Amino acid sequence: MFDKLKQLREMQKQAKEVQKTLADEIITVQKGELEIKINGNMEIQSINIASMESKEDLERDIKEGMNNAIKEAQQVMAKKMMGGGMSLPGM
């Protein structure tokens, strides 16, 4: 039982370390005149619009850009978790 608690504490420690590392990873995605920067914890760092477009184009670019940024952040997170030595018991 104590071994399981020890493993759980170790996993929590590893998860916090990975989360800190991910906060430093910045993913930049460009879509049209839009640039989005998001960190590995999927927190938006900045949004830059180079020029005004039509409302519809801007809305589309924001939606697609955010989706792309989130996907890239998830990929970075998965690589960090797999490469960071984080081991999940039973997996």
PDB file of N, CA and C in Angstrom:
ATOM      1  N   MET A   1       0.827  -1.200   0.000  1.00  0.00           N
ATOM      2  CA  MET A   1       0.000   0.000   0.000  1.00  0.00           C
ATOM      3  C   MET A   1       0.870   1.263   0.000  1.00  0.00           C
ATOM      4  N   PHE A   2       1.936   1.227   0.837  1.00  0.00           N
ATOM      5  CA  PHE A   2       2.817   2.391   0.890  1.00  0.00           C
ATOM      6  C   PHE A   2       3.576   2.574  -0.416  1.00  0.00           C
ATOM      7  N   ASP A   3       3.859   1.461  -1.096  1.00  0.00           N
ATOM      8  CA  ASP A   3       4.516   1.557  -2.399  1.00  0.00           C
ATOM      9  C   ASP A   3       3.636   2.288  -3.397  1.00  0.00           C
ATOM     10  N   LYS A   4       2.327   2.016  -3.358  1.00  0.00           N
ATOM     11  CA  LYS A   4       1.388   2.694  -4.267  1.00  0.00           C
ATOM     12  C   LYS A   4       1.340   4.189  -3.977  1.00  0.00           C
ATOM     13  N   LEU A   5       1.340   4.556  -2.695  1.00  0.00           N
ATOM     14  CA  LEU A   5       1.340   5.978  -2.327  1.00  0.00           C
ATOM     15  C   LEU A   5       2.631   6.653  -2.775  1.00  0.00           C
ATOM     16  N   LYS A   6       3.731   5.938  -2.618  1.00  0.00           N
ATOM     17  CA  LYS A   6       5.015   6.477  -3.052  1.00  0.00           C
ATOM     18  C   LYS A   6       5.016   6.690  -4.565  1.00  0.00           C
ATOM     19  N   GLN A   7       4.475   5.718  -5.318  1.00  0.00           N
ATOM     20  CA  GLN A   7       4.386   5.842  -6.774  1.00  0.00           C
ATOM     21  C   GLN A   7       3.498   7.024  -7.151  1.00  0.00           C
ATOM     22  N   LEU A   8       2.392   7.192  -6.441  1.00  0.00           N
ATOM     23  CA  LEU A   8       1.475   8.295  -6.724  1.00  0.00           C
ATOM     24  C   LEU A   8       2.159   9.638  -6.495  1.00  0.00           C
ATOM     25  N   ARG A   9       2.884   9.756  -5.391  1.00  0.00           N
ATOM     26  CA  ARG A   9       3.611  11.002  -5.109  1.00  0.00           C
ATOM     27  C   ARG A   9       4.665  11.279  -6.185  1.00  0.00           C
ATOM     28  N   GLU A  10       5.350  10.229  -6.613  1.00  0.00           N
ATOM     29  CA  GLU A  10       6.364  10.385  -7.650  1.00  0.00           C
ATOM     30  C   GLU A  10       5.721  10.835  -8.965  1.00  0.00           C
ATOM     31  N   MET A  11       4.575  10.254  -9.297  1.00  0.00           N
ATOM     32  CA  MET A  11       3.864  10.649 -10.520  1.00  0.00           C
ATOM     33  C   MET A  11       3.418  12.102 -10.439  1.00  0.00           C
ATOM     34  N   GLN A  12       2.941  12.527  -9.279  1.00  0.00           N
ATOM     35  CA  GLN A  12       2.521  13.914  -9.106  1.00  0.00           C
ATOM     36  C   GLN A  12       3.708  14.852  -9.269  1.00  0.00           C
ATOM     37  N   LYS A  13       4.837  14.464  -8.712  1.00  0.00           N
ATOM     38  CA  LYS A  13       6.060  15.269  -8.836  1.00  0.00           C
ATOM     39  C   LYS A  13       6.473  15.376 -10.297  1.00  0.00           C
ATOM     40  N   GLN A  14       6.456  14.234 -11.015  1.00  0.00           N
ATOM     41  CA  GLN A  14       6.820  14.238 -12.434  1.00  0.00           C
ATOM     42  C   GLN A  14       5.850  15.096 -13.240  1.00  0.00           C
ATOM     43  N   ALA A  15       4.562  15.006 -12.932  1.00  0.00           N
ATOM     44  CA  ALA A  15       3.556  15.786 -13.659  1.00  0.00           C
ATOM     45  C   ALA A  15       3.791  17.282 -13.466  1.00  0.00           C
ATOM     46  N   LYS A  16       4.133  17.695 -12.255  1.00  0.00           N
ATOM     47  CA  LYS A  16       4.410  19.110 -11.997  1.00  0.00           C
ATOM     48  C   LYS A  16       5.650  19.579 -12.754  1.00  0.00           C
ATOM     49  N   GLU A  17       6.663  18.722 -12.809  1.00  0.00           N
ATOM     50  CA  GLU A  17       7.886  19.069 -13.538  1.00  0.00           C
ATOM     51  C   GLU A  17       7.600  19.218 -15.029  1.00  0.00           C
ATOM     52  N   VAL A  18       6.817  18.295 -15.573  1.00  0.00           N
ATOM     53  CA  VAL A  18       6.450  18.365 -16.992  1.00  0.00           C
ATOM     54  C   VAL A  18       5.632  19.625 -17.248  1.00  0.00           C
ATOM     55  N   GLN A  19       4.709  19.941 -16.357  1.00  0.00           N
ATOM     56  CA  GLN A  19       3.871  21.128 -16.521  1.00  0.00           C
ATOM     57  C   GLN A  19       4.724  22.399 -16.532  1.00  0.00           C
ATOM     58  N   LYS A  20       5.717  22.470 -15.644  1.00  0.00           N
ATOM     59  CA  LYS A  20       6.613  23.631 -15.625  1.00  0.00           C
ATOM     60  C   LYS A  20       7.395  23.729 -16.930  1.00  0.00           C
ATOM     61  N   THR A  21       7.880  22.579 -17.417  1.00  0.00           N
ATOM     62  CA  THR A  21       8.631  22.556 -18.673  1.00  0.00           C
ATOM     63  C   THR A  21       7.750  22.995 -19.830  1.00  0.00           C
ATOM     64  N   LEU A  22       6.510  22.531 -19.846  1.00  0.00           N
ATOM     65  CA  LEU A  22       5.591  22.880 -20.928  1.00  0.00           C
ATOM     66  C   LEU A  22       5.255  24.366 -20.940  1.00  0.00           C
ATOM     67  N   ALA A  23       5.230  24.985 -19.783  1.00  0.00           N
ATOM     68  CA  ALA A  23       4.932  26.417 -19.715  1.00  0.00           C
ATOM     69  C   ALA A  23       5.985  27.224 -20.460  1.00  0.00           C
ATOM     70  N   ASP A  24       7.203  26.682 -20.569  1.00  0.00           N
ATOM     71  CA  ASP A  24       8.291  27.377 -21.266  1.00  0.00           C
ATOM     72  C   ASP A  24       8.286  27.134 -22.773  1.00  0.00           C
ATOM     73  N   GLU A  25       7.545  26.137 -23.233  1.00  0.00           N
ATOM     74  CA  GLU A  25       7.463  25.832 -24.668  1.00  0.00           C
ATOM     75  C   GLU A  25       6.461  26.788 -25.319  1.00  0.00           C
ATOM     76  N   ILE A  26       6.911  27.540 -26.308  1.00  0.00           N
ATOM     77  CA  ILE A  26       6.023  28.464 -27.010  1.00  0.00           C
ATOM     78  C   ILE A  26       5.837  27.965 -28.437  1.00  0.00           C
ATOM     79  N   ILE A  27       4.576  27.780 -28.805  1.00  0.00           N
ATOM     80  CA  ILE A  27       4.212  27.339 -30.145  1.00  0.00           C
ATOM     81  C   ILE A  27       3.645  28.546 -30.878  1.00  0.00           C
ATOM     82  N   THR A  28       4.157  28.809 -32.073  1.00  0.00           N
ATOM     83  CA  THR A  28       3.677  29.927 -32.882  1.00  0.00           C
ATOM     84  C   THR A  28       3.007  29.373 -34.128  1.00  0.00           C
ATOM     85  N   VAL A  29       1.779  29.829 -34.365  1.00  0.00           N
ATOM     86  CA  VAL A  29       1.006  29.388 -35.526  1.00  0.00           C
ATOM     87  C   VAL A  29       0.567  30.627 -36.288  1.00  0.00           C
ATOM     88  N   GLN A  30       0.729  30.598 -37.603  1.00  0.00           N
ATOM     89  CA  GLN A  30       0.258  31.686 -38.447  1.00  0.00           C
ATOM     90  C   GLN A  30      -0.825  31.174 -39.370  1.00  0.00           C
ATOM     91  N   LYS A  31      -1.885  31.949 -39.489  1.00  0.00           N
ATOM     92  CA  LYS A  31      -2.996  31.630 -40.382  1.00  0.00           C
ATOM     93  C   LYS A  31      -3.438  32.946 -41.010  1.00  0.00           C
ATOM     94  N   GLY A  32      -3.164  33.072 -42.295  1.00  0.00           N
ATOM     95  CA  GLY A  32      -3.496  34.337 -42.956  1.00  0.00           C
ATOM     96  C   GLY A  32      -2.718  35.473 -42.321  1.00  0.00           C
ATOM     97  N   GLU A  33      -3.404  36.517 -41.915  1.00  0.00           N
ATOM     98  CA  GLU A  33      -2.779  37.691 -41.296  1.00  0.00           C
ATOM     99  C   GLU A  33      -2.732  37.574 -39.775  1.00  0.00           C
ATOM    100  N   LEU A  34      -2.990  36.394 -39.259  1.00  0.00           N
ATOM    101  CA  LEU A  34      -3.088  36.164 -37.819  1.00  0.00           C
ATOM    102  C   LEU A  34      -1.901  35.338 -37.327  1.00  0.00           C
ATOM    103  N   GLU A  35      -1.316  35.752 -36.200  1.00  0.00           N
ATOM    104  CA  GLU A  35      -0.264  34.975 -35.551  1.00  0.00           C
ATOM    105  C   GLU A  35      -0.700  34.721 -34.110  1.00  0.00           C
ATOM    106  N   ILE A  36      -0.663  33.446 -33.706  1.00  0.00           N
ATOM    107  CA  ILE A  36      -1.058  33.058 -32.355  1.00  0.00           C
ATOM    108  C   ILE A  36       0.134  32.389 -31.690  1.00  0.00           C
ATOM    109  N   LYS A  37       0.418  32.802 -30.463  1.00  0.00           N
ATOM    110  CA  LYS A  37       1.455  32.151 -29.660  1.00  0.00           C
ATOM    111  C   LYS A  37       0.767  31.537 -28.449  1.00  0.00           C
ATOM    112  N   ILE A  38       1.040  30.245 -28.241  1.00  0.00           N
ATOM    113  CA  ILE A  38       0.424  29.490 -27.151  1.00  0.00           C
ATOM    114  C   ILE A  38       1.522  28.668 -26.493  1.00  0.00           C
ATOM    115  N   ASN A  39       1.448  28.487 -25.178  1.00  0.00           N
ATOM    116  CA  ASN A  39       2.483  27.671 -24.537  1.00  0.00           C
ATOM    117  C   ASN A  39       2.038  26.218 -24.457  1.00  0.00           C
ATOM    118  N   GLY A  40       2.924  25.369 -23.991  1.00  0.00           N
ATOM    119  CA  GLY A  40       2.642  23.943 -23.930  1.00  0.00           C
ATOM    120  C   GLY A  40       1.528  23.569 -22.968  1.00  0.00           C
ATOM    121  N   ASN A  41       1.157  24.490 -22.084  1.00  0.00           N
ATOM    122  CA  ASN A  41       0.020  24.272 -21.188  1.00  0.00           C
ATOM    123  C   ASN A  41      -1.281  24.777 -21.810  1.00  0.00           C
ATOM    124  N   MET A  42      -1.212  25.097 -23.100  1.00  0.00           N
ATOM    125  CA  MET A  42      -2.349  25.568 -23.883  1.00  0.00           C
ATOM    126  C   MET A  42      -2.929  26.883 -23.362  1.00  0.00           C
ATOM    127  N   GLU A  43      -2.034  27.769 -22.903  1.00  0.00           N
ATOM    128  CA  GLU A  43      -2.415  29.108 -22.484  1.00  0.00           C
ATOM    129  C   GLU A  43      -1.979  30.078 -23.579  1.00  0.00           C
ATOM    130  N   ILE A  44      -2.898  30.896 -24.046  1.00  0.00           N
ATOM    131  CA  ILE A  44      -2.583  31.846 -25.106  1.00  0.00           C
ATOM    132  C   ILE A  44      -1.626  32.896 -24.558  1.00  0.00           C
ATOM    133  N   GLN A  45      -0.513  33.075 -25.258  1.00  0.00           N
ATOM    134  CA  GLN A  45       0.481  34.061 -24.867  1.00  0.00           C
ATOM    135  C   GLN A  45       0.265  35.386 -25.605  1.00  0.00           C
ATOM    136  N   SER A  46      -0.089  35.289 -26.892  1.00  0.00           N
ATOM    137  CA  SER A  46      -0.367  36.506 -27.653  1.00  0.00           C
ATOM    138  C   SER A  46      -1.123  36.174 -28.932  1.00  0.00           C
ATOM    139  N   ILE A  47      -1.837  37.171 -29.407  1.00  0.00           N
ATOM    140  CA  ILE A  47      -2.516  37.108 -30.698  1.00  0.00           C
ATOM    141  C   ILE A  47      -2.160  38.397 -31.422  1.00  0.00           C
ATOM    142  N   ASN A  48      -1.662  38.272 -32.651  1.00  0.00           N
ATOM    143  CA  ASN A  48      -1.272  39.435 -33.428  1.00  0.00           C
ATOM    144  C   ASN A  48      -1.997  39.396 -34.773  1.00  0.00           C
ATOM    145  N   ILE A  49      -2.669  40.492 -35.109  1.00  0.00           N
ATOM    146  CA  ILE A  49      -3.366  40.602 -36.387  1.00  0.00           C
ATOM    147  C   ILE A  49      -2.603  41.638 -37.206  1.00  0.00           C
ATOM    148  N   ALA A  50      -1.998  41.195 -38.327  1.00  0.00           N
ATOM    149  CA  ALA A  50      -1.147  42.060 -39.135  1.00  0.00           C
ATOM    150  C   ALA A  50      -1.945  43.162 -39.834  1.00  0.00           C
ATOM    151  N   SER A  51      -3.114  42.838 -40.324  1.00  0.00           N
ATOM    152  CA  SER A  51      -3.944  43.848 -40.983  1.00  0.00           C
ATOM    153  C   SER A  51      -5.399  43.464 -40.822  1.00  0.00           C
ATOM    154  N   MET A  52      -6.263  44.418 -41.034  1.00  0.00           N
ATOM    155  CA  MET A  52      -7.696  44.133 -40.917  1.00  0.00           C
ATOM    156  C   MET A  52      -8.171  43.400 -42.166  1.00  0.00           C
ATOM    157  N   GLU A  53      -8.889  42.340 -41.927  1.00  0.00           N
ATOM    158  CA  GLU A  53      -9.504  41.574 -43.004  1.00  0.00           C
ATOM    159  C   GLU A  53     -11.010  41.728 -42.859  1.00  0.00           C
ATOM    160  N   SER A  54     -11.716  41.041 -43.697  1.00  0.00           N
ATOM    161  CA  SER A  54     -13.156  41.028 -43.501  1.00  0.00           C
ATOM    162  C   SER A  54     -13.434  40.280 -42.208  1.00  0.00           C
ATOM    163  N   LYS A  55     -14.534  40.575 -41.595  1.00  0.00           N
ATOM    164  CA  LYS A  55     -14.920  39.945 -40.341  1.00  0.00           C
ATOM    165  C   LYS A  55     -14.949  38.426 -40.494  1.00  0.00           C
ATOM    166  N   GLU A  56     -15.498  37.947 -41.597  1.00  0.00           N
ATOM    167  CA  GLU A  56     -15.622  36.509 -41.816  1.00  0.00           C
ATOM    168  C   GLU A  56     -14.250  35.849 -41.946  1.00  0.00           C
ATOM    169  N   ASP A  57     -13.336  36.482 -42.701  1.00  0.00           N
ATOM    170  CA  ASP A  57     -11.987  35.935 -42.859  1.00  0.00           C
ATOM    171  C   ASP A  57     -11.254  35.900 -41.518  1.00  0.00           C
ATOM    172  N   LEU A  58     -11.371  36.971 -40.756  1.00  0.00           N
ATOM    173  CA  LEU A  58     -10.695  37.042 -39.466  1.00  0.00           C
ATOM    174  C   LEU A  58     -11.247  35.988 -38.507  1.00  0.00           C
ATOM    175  N   GLU A  59     -12.563  35.834 -38.471  1.00  0.00           N
ATOM    176  CA  GLU A  59     -13.170  34.817 -37.608  1.00  0.00           C
ATOM    177  C   GLU A  59     -12.694  33.412 -37.997  1.00  0.00           C
ATOM    178  N   ARG A  60     -12.643  33.145 -39.301  1.00  0.00           N
ATOM    179  CA  ARG A  60     -12.189  31.845 -39.780  1.00  0.00           C
ATOM    180  C   ARG A  60     -10.732  31.613 -39.401  1.00  0.00           C
ATOM    181  N   ASP A  61      -9.881  32.633 -39.622  1.00  0.00           N
ATOM    182  CA  ASP A  61      -8.463  32.493 -39.296  1.00  0.00           C
ATOM    183  C   ASP A  61      -8.247  32.304 -37.796  1.00  0.00           C
ATOM    184  N   ILE A  62      -9.000  32.996 -36.970  1.00  0.00           N
ATOM    185  CA  ILE A  62      -8.873  32.822 -35.517  1.00  0.00           C
ATOM    186  C   ILE A  62      -9.243  31.404 -35.126  1.00  0.00           C
ATOM    187  N   LYS A  63     -10.354  30.917 -35.638  1.00  0.00           N
ATOM    188  CA  LYS A  63     -10.802  29.560 -35.305  1.00  0.00           C
ATOM    189  C   LYS A  63      -9.773  28.525 -35.758  1.00  0.00           C
ATOM    190  N   GLU A  64      -9.357  28.602 -37.005  1.00  0.00           N
ATOM    191  CA  GLU A  64      -8.410  27.629 -37.536  1.00  0.00           C
ATOM    192  C   GLU A  64      -7.043  27.761 -36.869  1.00  0.00           C
ATOM    193  N   GLY A  65      -6.613  28.991 -36.631  1.00  0.00           N
ATOM    194  CA  GLY A  65      -5.328  29.212 -35.982  1.00  0.00           C
ATOM    195  C   GLY A  65      -5.305  28.678 -34.560  1.00  0.00           C
ATOM    196  N   MET A  66      -6.371  28.911 -33.815  1.00  0.00           N
ATOM    197  CA  MET A  66      -6.447  28.402 -32.441  1.00  0.00           C
ATOM    198  C   MET A  66      -6.455  26.874 -32.437  1.00  0.00           C
ATOM    199  N   ASN A  67      -7.228  26.282 -33.319  1.00  0.00           N
ATOM    200  CA  ASN A  67      -7.268  24.818 -33.391  1.00  0.00           C
ATOM    201  C   ASN A  67      -5.888  24.250 -33.723  1.00  0.00           C
ATOM    202  N   ASN A  68      -5.187  24.864 -34.669  1.00  0.00           N
ATOM    203  CA  ASN A  68      -3.842  24.413 -35.024  1.00  0.00           C
ATOM    204  C   ASN A  68      -2.868  24.577 -33.855  1.00  0.00           C
ATOM    205  N   ALA A  69      -2.968  25.704 -33.156  1.00  0.00           N
ATOM    206  CA  ALA A  69      -2.083  25.954 -32.018  1.00  0.00           C
ATOM    207  C   ALA A  69      -2.320  24.937 -30.908  1.00  0.00           C
ATOM    208  N   ILE A  70      -3.569  24.623 -30.637  1.00  0.00           N
ATOM    209  CA  ILE A  70      -3.895  23.641 -29.598  1.00  0.00           C
ATOM    210  C   ILE A  70      -3.374  22.260 -29.985  1.00  0.00           C
ATOM    211  N   LYS A  71      -3.551  21.877 -31.240  1.00  0.00           N
ATOM    212  CA  LYS A  71      -3.055  20.570 -31.696  1.00  0.00           C
ATOM    213  C   LYS A  71      -1.538  20.484 -31.539  1.00  0.00           C
ATOM    214  N   GLU A  72      -0.835  21.546 -31.925  1.00  0.00           N
ATOM    215  CA  GLU A  72       0.624  21.537 -31.803  1.00  0.00           C
ATOM    216  C   GLU A  72       1.049  21.483 -30.344  1.00  0.00           C
ATOM    217  N   ALA A  73       0.346  22.224 -29.477  1.00  0.00           N
ATOM    218  CA  ALA A  73       0.658  22.197 -28.045  1.00  0.00           C
ATOM    219  C   ALA A  73       0.438  20.798 -27.475  1.00  0.00           C
ATOM    220  N   GLN A  74      -0.607  20.119 -27.911  1.00  0.00           N
ATOM    221  CA  GLN A  74      -0.873  18.759 -27.451  1.00  0.00           C
ATOM    222  C   GLN A  74       0.228  17.808 -27.904  1.00  0.00           C
ATOM    223  N   GLN A  75       0.720  17.997 -29.116  1.00  0.00           N
ATOM    224  CA  GLN A  75       1.811  17.151 -29.613  1.00  0.00           C
ATOM    225  C   GLN A  75       3.086  17.371 -28.811  1.00  0.00           C
ATOM    226  N   VAL A  76       3.382  18.631 -28.496  1.00  0.00           N
ATOM    227  CA  VAL A  76       4.558  18.950 -27.689  1.00  0.00           C
ATOM    228  C   VAL A  76       4.408  18.308 -26.310  1.00  0.00           C
ATOM    229  N   MET A  77       3.217  18.423 -25.727  1.00  0.00           N
ATOM    230  CA  MET A  77       2.961  17.856 -24.413  1.00  0.00           C
ATOM    231  C   MET A  77       3.152  16.340 -24.435  1.00  0.00           C
ATOM    232  N   ALA A  78       2.631  15.681 -25.458  1.00  0.00           N
ATOM    233  CA  ALA A  78       2.771  14.218 -25.554  1.00  0.00           C
ATOM    234  C   ALA A  78       4.231  13.819 -25.682  1.00  0.00           C
ATOM    235  N   LYS A  79       4.996  14.539 -26.498  1.00  0.00           N
ATOM    236  CA  LYS A  79       6.421  14.234 -26.651  1.00  0.00           C
ATOM    237  C   LYS A  79       7.169  14.429 -25.343  1.00  0.00           C
ATOM    238  N   LYS A  80       6.860  15.500 -24.626  1.00  0.00           N
ATOM    239  CA  LYS A  80       7.535  15.774 -23.357  1.00  0.00           C
ATOM    240  C   LYS A  80       7.211  14.690 -22.338  1.00  0.00           C
ATOM    241  N   MET A  81       5.962  14.263 -22.304  1.00  0.00           N
ATOM    242  CA  MET A  81       5.565  13.248 -21.332  1.00  0.00           C
ATOM    243  C   MET A  81       6.213  11.902 -21.646  1.00  0.00           C
ATOM    244  N   MET A  82       6.298  11.556 -22.924  1.00  0.00           N
ATOM    245  CA  MET A  82       6.901  10.291 -23.314  1.00  0.00           C
ATOM    246  C   MET A  82       8.424  10.343 -23.181  1.00  0.00           C
ATOM    247  N   GLY A  83       9.009  11.444 -23.585  1.00  0.00           N
ATOM    248  CA  GLY A  83      10.457  11.575 -23.544  1.00  0.00           C
ATOM    249  C   GLY A  83      10.982  11.991 -22.198  1.00  0.00           C
ATOM    250  N   GLY A  84      10.116  12.508 -21.336  1.00  0.00           N
ATOM    251  CA  GLY A  84      10.540  13.003 -20.034  1.00  0.00           C
ATOM    252  C   GLY A  84      10.664  11.934 -18.975  1.00  0.00           C
ATOM    253  N   GLY A  85      10.457  10.695 -19.370  1.00  0.00           N
ATOM    254  CA  GLY A  85      10.606   9.617 -18.411  1.00  0.00           C
ATOM    255  C   GLY A  85       9.434   9.441 -17.484  1.00  0.00           C
ATOM    256  N   MET A  86       8.330  10.094 -17.785  1.00  0.00           N
ATOM    257  CA  MET A  86       7.165   9.947 -16.936  1.00  0.00           C
ATOM    258  C   MET A  86       6.532   8.593 -17.205  1.00  0.00           C
ATOM    259  N   SER A  87       6.524   7.754 -16.196  1.00  0.00           N
ATOM    260  CA  SER A  87       5.982   6.415 -16.375  1.00  0.00           C
ATOM    261  C   SER A  87       4.712   6.264 -15.560  1.00  0.00           C
ATOM    262  N   LEU A  88       3.708   5.745 -16.192  1.00  0.00           N
ATOM    263  CA  LEU A  88       2.431   5.524 -15.522  1.00  0.00           C
ATOM    264  C   LEU A  88       2.327   4.064 -15.143  1.00  0.00           C
ATOM    265  N   PRO A  89       2.091   3.764 -13.882  1.00  0.00           N
ATOM    266  CA  PRO A  89       1.976   2.369 -13.475  1.00  0.00           C
ATOM    267  C   PRO A  89       0.851   1.678 -14.240  1.00  0.00           C
ATOM    268  N   GLY A  90       1.126   0.456 -14.621  1.00  0.00           N
ATOM    269  CA  GLY A  90       0.108  -0.327 -15.323  1.00  0.00           C
ATOM    270  C   GLY A  90       0.045  -0.071 -16.807  1.00  0.00           C
ATOM    271  N   MET A  91       0.923   0.803 -17.344  1.00  0.00           N
ATOM    272  CA  MET A  91       0.901   1.119 -18.777  1.00  0.00           C
ATOM    273  C   MET A  91       2.198   0.676 -19.413  1.00  0.00           C
TER     274      MET A  91
END
